[in-house]
Amino acid sequence: MTELTDTQRQAYEAAAFRRLLTHLRERSDVQNIDLMNLAGFCRNCLSNWYRDAAEADGAALSKDEAREIVYGMPYAEWQAKHQSEASASQKAAFEAARPKDH
């Protein structure tokens, strides 16, 4: 495997994260519940992880600010434009997959 410097690794990770955000923004047809049911994380998880990283670095970032970074717009705007009501089967799959300690 190619040896990477910490700077290279961080730059590539950041580039991959930006590409993931672009992809998720382009795929607004994929609902968060679908992501949760298939992969165990969603756009909100990404925004929470982003916020956690900012806070670990001493930067104050609100939940709304972190979500706007991930969604590319205010969360309420994204919801109004793209979010649909989850079906009964989506909700059931979510509950079945939910960790029991949450």
N, C-alpha and C. Protein backbone atom coordinates (compact mmCIF):
# COMPACT_ATOMS: atom_id res chain seq x y z
N MET A 1 0.85 -1.18 0.00
CA MET A 1 0.00 0.00 0.00
C MET A 1 0.89 1.24 0.00
N THR A 2 0.46 2.25 -0.69
CA THR A 2 1.20 3.51 -0.75
C THR A 2 1.18 4.19 0.61
N GLU A 3 2.31 4.63 1.04
CA GLU A 3 2.39 5.38 2.30
C GLU A 3 1.93 6.81 2.05
N LEU A 4 1.01 7.26 2.85
CA LEU A 4 0.50 8.63 2.75
C LEU A 4 0.93 9.41 3.97
N THR A 5 1.16 10.67 3.76
CA THR A 5 1.41 11.55 4.90
C THR A 5 0.08 11.83 5.57
N ASP A 6 0.14 12.30 6.81
CA ASP A 6 -1.11 12.68 7.49
C ASP A 6 -1.84 13.76 6.71
N THR A 7 -1.11 14.69 6.13
CA THR A 7 -1.72 15.77 5.36
C THR A 7 -2.44 15.20 4.13
N GLN A 8 -1.79 14.28 3.43
CA GLN A 8 -2.43 13.66 2.27
C GLN A 8 -3.68 12.89 2.68
N ARG A 9 -3.57 12.08 3.72
CA ARG A 9 -4.70 11.30 4.19
C ARG A 9 -5.88 12.18 4.53
N GLN A 10 -5.61 13.25 5.27
CA GLN A 10 -6.69 14.17 5.64
C GLN A 10 -7.29 14.85 4.42
N ALA A 11 -6.47 15.23 3.47
CA ALA A 11 -6.97 15.87 2.26
C ALA A 11 -7.85 14.91 1.46
N TYR A 12 -7.44 13.66 1.35
CA TYR A 12 -8.22 12.68 0.60
C TYR A 12 -9.51 12.34 1.32
N GLU A 13 -9.44 12.24 2.65
CA GLU A 13 -10.67 11.99 3.42
C GLU A 13 -11.64 13.15 3.25
N ALA A 14 -11.13 14.37 3.29
CA ALA A 14 -11.99 15.54 3.12
C ALA A 14 -12.60 15.56 1.72
N ALA A 15 -11.82 15.21 0.72
CA ALA A 15 -12.33 15.17 -0.66
C ALA A 15 -13.41 14.11 -0.79
N ALA A 16 -13.19 12.95 -0.19
CA ALA A 16 -14.19 11.88 -0.25
C ALA A 16 -15.47 12.31 0.47
N PHE A 17 -15.34 12.99 1.59
CA PHE A 17 -16.51 13.46 2.33
C PHE A 17 -17.28 14.49 1.51
N ARG A 18 -16.56 15.41 0.86
CA ARG A 18 -17.23 16.41 0.02
C ARG A 18 -17.97 15.73 -1.13
N ARG A 19 -17.35 14.71 -1.70
CA ARG A 19 -18.00 13.98 -2.79
C ARG A 19 -19.24 13.25 -2.29
N LEU A 20 -19.17 12.66 -1.10
CA LEU A 20 -20.34 12.01 -0.50
C LEU A 20 -21.47 13.03 -0.31
N LEU A 21 -21.15 14.22 0.21
CA LEU A 21 -22.18 15.24 0.40
C LEU A 21 -22.80 15.63 -0.94
N THR A 22 -21.99 15.82 -1.95
CA THR A 22 -22.51 16.16 -3.28
C THR A 22 -23.43 15.06 -3.78
N HIS A 23 -23.01 13.83 -3.63
CA HIS A 23 -23.82 12.70 -4.07
C HIS A 23 -25.16 12.66 -3.34
N LEU A 24 -25.13 12.83 -2.02
CA LEU A 24 -26.38 12.81 -1.25
C LEU A 24 -27.29 13.98 -1.61
N ARG A 25 -26.71 15.13 -1.91
CA ARG A 25 -27.52 16.28 -2.32
C ARG A 25 -28.17 16.03 -3.68
N GLU A 26 -27.45 15.35 -4.56
CA GLU A 26 -28.00 15.04 -5.88
C GLU A 26 -29.04 13.93 -5.81
N ARG A 27 -28.98 13.12 -4.77
CA ARG A 27 -29.92 12.00 -4.61
C ARG A 27 -30.94 12.30 -3.52
N SER A 28 -31.60 13.43 -3.65
CA SER A 28 -32.61 13.81 -2.67
C SER A 28 -33.80 12.87 -2.69
N ASP A 29 -33.90 12.03 -3.74
CA ASP A 29 -34.96 11.03 -3.79
C ASP A 29 -34.75 9.92 -2.75
N VAL A 30 -33.52 9.77 -2.29
CA VAL A 30 -33.23 8.77 -1.27
C VAL A 30 -33.49 9.40 0.09
N GLN A 31 -34.47 8.88 0.76
CA GLN A 31 -34.88 9.43 2.05
C GLN A 31 -33.93 8.97 3.15
N ASN A 32 -33.86 9.75 4.21
CA ASN A 32 -33.00 9.39 5.34
C ASN A 32 -33.37 8.03 5.92
N ILE A 33 -34.65 7.73 5.98
CA ILE A 33 -35.06 6.44 6.55
C ILE A 33 -34.56 5.30 5.68
N ASP A 34 -34.48 5.51 4.36
CA ASP A 34 -33.92 4.48 3.47
C ASP A 34 -32.44 4.27 3.79
N LEU A 35 -31.71 5.37 3.97
CA LEU A 35 -30.30 5.26 4.33
C LEU A 35 -30.13 4.54 5.66
N MET A 36 -30.94 4.90 6.63
CA MET A 36 -30.85 4.26 7.96
C MET A 36 -31.14 2.76 7.84
N ASN A 37 -32.17 2.42 7.09
CA ASN A 37 -32.55 1.02 6.98
C ASN A 37 -31.51 0.19 6.24
N LEU A 38 -30.84 0.78 5.28
CA LEU A 38 -29.87 0.03 4.48
C LEU A 38 -28.45 0.11 5.03
N ALA A 39 -28.08 1.28 5.56
CA ALA A 39 -26.68 1.48 5.92
C ALA A 39 -26.46 1.79 7.40
N GLY A 40 -27.52 2.08 8.12
CA GLY A 40 -27.37 2.37 9.54
C GLY A 40 -26.93 3.78 9.87
N PHE A 41 -26.95 4.66 8.86
CA PHE A 41 -26.66 6.08 9.08
C PHE A 41 -27.41 6.88 8.03
N CYS A 42 -27.54 8.19 8.28
CA CYS A 42 -28.24 9.06 7.34
C CYS A 42 -27.58 10.43 7.33
N ARG A 43 -28.18 11.35 6.63
CA ARG A 43 -27.65 12.70 6.55
C ARG A 43 -27.56 13.35 7.93
N ASN A 44 -28.55 13.09 8.77
CA ASN A 44 -28.53 13.65 10.13
C ASN A 44 -27.36 13.08 10.93
N CYS A 45 -27.08 11.80 10.75
CA CYS A 45 -25.91 11.20 11.41
C CYS A 45 -24.65 11.91 10.98
N LEU A 46 -24.50 12.13 9.67
CA LEU A 46 -23.31 12.83 9.17
C LEU A 46 -23.19 14.21 9.79
N SER A 47 -24.31 14.91 9.90
CA SER A 47 -24.25 16.26 10.48
C SER A 47 -23.88 16.18 11.96
N ASN A 48 -24.36 15.16 12.66
CA ASN A 48 -23.99 14.98 14.07
C ASN A 48 -22.50 14.68 14.20
N TRP A 49 -21.96 13.83 13.33
CA TRP A 49 -20.53 13.50 13.37
C TRP A 49 -19.68 14.72 13.04
N TYR A 50 -20.16 15.52 12.10
CA TYR A 50 -19.46 16.76 11.75
C TYR A 50 -19.41 17.70 12.95
N ARG A 51 -20.57 17.83 13.60
CA ARG A 51 -20.66 18.69 14.78
C ARG A 51 -19.77 18.18 15.91
N ASP A 52 -19.76 16.86 16.11
CA ASP A 52 -18.89 16.26 17.13
C ASP A 52 -17.42 16.59 16.86
N ALA A 53 -17.01 16.49 15.59
CA ALA A 53 -15.62 16.79 15.22
C ALA A 53 -15.30 18.26 15.47
N ALA A 54 -16.25 19.14 15.14
CA ALA A 54 -16.04 20.57 15.38
C ALA A 54 -15.90 20.84 16.87
N GLU A 55 -16.79 20.26 17.66
CA GLU A 55 -16.74 20.47 19.11
C GLU A 55 -15.46 19.91 19.71
N ALA A 56 -14.99 18.76 19.20
CA ALA A 56 -13.73 18.18 19.70
C ALA A 56 -12.55 19.09 19.40
N ASP A 57 -12.69 19.92 18.39
CA ASP A 57 -11.64 20.86 18.02
C ASP A 57 -11.85 22.23 18.68
N GLY A 58 -12.90 22.34 19.50
CA GLY A 58 -13.16 23.58 20.21
C GLY A 58 -14.02 24.58 19.46
N ALA A 59 -14.60 24.16 18.33
CA ALA A 59 -15.45 25.06 17.54
C ALA A 59 -16.92 24.81 17.90
N ALA A 60 -17.60 25.88 18.27
CA ALA A 60 -19.02 25.77 18.57
C ALA A 60 -19.80 25.76 17.26
N LEU A 61 -20.58 24.70 17.05
CA LEU A 61 -21.37 24.55 15.84
C LEU A 61 -22.73 24.02 16.27
N SER A 62 -23.78 24.73 15.91
CA SER A 62 -25.12 24.30 16.31
C SER A 62 -25.57 23.12 15.45
N LYS A 63 -26.59 22.44 15.93
CA LYS A 63 -27.17 21.33 15.17
C LYS A 63 -27.67 21.83 13.82
N ASP A 64 -28.31 22.98 13.80
CA ASP A 64 -28.82 23.54 12.54
C ASP A 64 -27.69 23.91 11.59
N GLU A 65 -26.60 24.47 12.12
CA GLU A 65 -25.46 24.82 11.27
C GLU A 65 -24.83 23.58 10.66
N ALA A 66 -24.68 22.54 11.46
CA ALA A 66 -24.10 21.30 10.95
C ALA A 66 -24.99 20.67 9.90
N ARG A 67 -26.29 20.69 10.13
CA ARG A 67 -27.22 20.13 9.13
C ARG A 67 -27.18 20.93 7.83
N GLU A 68 -27.06 22.24 7.92
CA GLU A 68 -26.99 23.05 6.70
C GLU A 68 -25.73 22.72 5.90
N ILE A 69 -24.65 22.43 6.58
CA ILE A 69 -23.41 22.03 5.89
C ILE A 69 -23.64 20.72 5.14
N VAL A 70 -24.29 19.77 5.76
CA VAL A 70 -24.51 18.47 5.14
C VAL A 70 -25.58 18.55 4.05
N TYR A 71 -26.69 19.21 4.33
CA TYR A 71 -27.79 19.25 3.38
C TYR A 71 -27.58 20.27 2.25
N GLY A 72 -26.71 21.24 2.47
CA GLY A 72 -26.49 22.27 1.46
C GLY A 72 -27.54 23.35 1.47
N MET A 73 -28.38 23.33 2.48
CA MET A 73 -29.45 24.32 2.66
C MET A 73 -30.00 24.11 4.07
N PRO A 74 -30.77 25.06 4.57
CA PRO A 74 -31.39 24.84 5.88
C PRO A 74 -32.22 23.55 5.88
N TYR A 75 -32.14 22.84 6.99
CA TYR A 75 -32.82 21.54 7.09
C TYR A 75 -34.32 21.65 6.81
N ALA A 76 -34.96 22.66 7.35
CA ALA A 76 -36.40 22.83 7.13
C ALA A 76 -36.72 23.00 5.64
N GLU A 77 -35.85 23.70 4.93
CA GLU A 77 -36.04 23.87 3.49
C GLU A 77 -35.89 22.53 2.77
N TRP A 78 -34.88 21.75 3.15
CA TRP A 78 -34.69 20.43 2.54
C TRP A 78 -35.90 19.55 2.81
N GLN A 79 -36.38 19.56 4.05
CA GLN A 79 -37.56 18.75 4.39
C GLN A 79 -38.74 19.13 3.52
N ALA A 80 -39.01 20.43 3.38
CA ALA A 80 -40.15 20.89 2.60
C ALA A 80 -40.03 20.49 1.13
N LYS A 81 -38.82 20.53 0.61
CA LYS A 81 -38.61 20.21 -0.81
C LYS A 81 -38.55 18.72 -1.10
N HIS A 82 -37.97 17.94 -0.18
CA HIS A 82 -37.60 16.58 -0.53
C HIS A 82 -38.12 15.47 0.37
N GLN A 83 -38.48 15.77 1.60
CA GLN A 83 -38.84 14.70 2.52
C GLN A 83 -40.29 14.30 2.35
N SER A 84 -40.50 12.99 2.28
CA SER A 84 -41.87 12.48 2.21
C SER A 84 -42.14 11.66 3.48
N GLU A 85 -43.39 11.39 3.71
CA GLU A 85 -43.77 10.60 4.88
C GLU A 85 -43.26 9.17 4.69
N ALA A 86 -42.68 8.62 5.71
CA ALA A 86 -42.20 7.24 5.66
C ALA A 86 -43.38 6.29 5.61
N SER A 87 -43.23 5.26 4.81
CA SER A 87 -44.28 4.25 4.71
C SER A 87 -44.27 3.37 5.96
N ALA A 88 -45.33 2.62 6.14
CA ALA A 88 -45.43 1.72 7.28
C ALA A 88 -44.30 0.69 7.24
N SER A 89 -43.97 0.19 6.05
CA SER A 89 -42.90 -0.80 5.95
C SER A 89 -41.54 -0.18 6.25
N GLN A 90 -41.31 1.07 5.84
CA GLN A 90 -40.05 1.75 6.17
C GLN A 90 -39.93 1.94 7.67
N LYS A 91 -41.01 2.37 8.31
CA LYS A 91 -41.00 2.57 9.76
C LYS A 91 -40.76 1.25 10.50
N ALA A 92 -41.39 0.18 10.03
CA ALA A 92 -41.21 -1.13 10.67
C ALA A 92 -39.77 -1.60 10.53
N ALA A 93 -39.19 -1.42 9.34
CA ALA A 93 -37.79 -1.82 9.13
C ALA A 93 -36.86 -1.00 10.01
N PHE A 94 -37.16 0.27 10.17
CA PHE A 94 -36.35 1.14 11.03
C PHE A 94 -36.40 0.65 12.47
N GLU A 95 -37.59 0.37 12.97
CA GLU A 95 -37.74 -0.09 14.35
C GLU A 95 -37.07 -1.44 14.57
N ALA A 96 -37.13 -2.31 13.57
CA ALA A 96 -36.53 -3.63 13.69
C ALA A 96 -35.00 -3.53 13.74
N ALA A 97 -34.44 -2.57 13.04
CA ALA A 97 -32.98 -2.43 12.96
C ALA A 97 -32.41 -1.52 14.04
N ARG A 98 -33.25 -0.79 14.73
CA ARG A 98 -32.80 0.16 15.74
C ARG A 98 -32.07 -0.57 16.86
N PRO A 99 -30.89 -0.06 17.23
CA PRO A 99 -30.19 -0.68 18.37
C PRO A 99 -31.08 -0.64 19.61
N LYS A 100 -31.06 -1.70 20.35
CA LYS A 100 -31.96 -1.84 21.52
C LYS A 100 -31.58 -0.89 22.65
N ASP A 101 -30.33 -0.39 22.65
CA ASP A 101 -29.91 0.50 23.74
C ASP A 101 -30.16 1.97 23.43
N HIS A 102 -30.85 2.29 22.37
CA HIS A 102 -31.15 3.69 22.03
C HIS A 102 -32.61 4.00 22.21
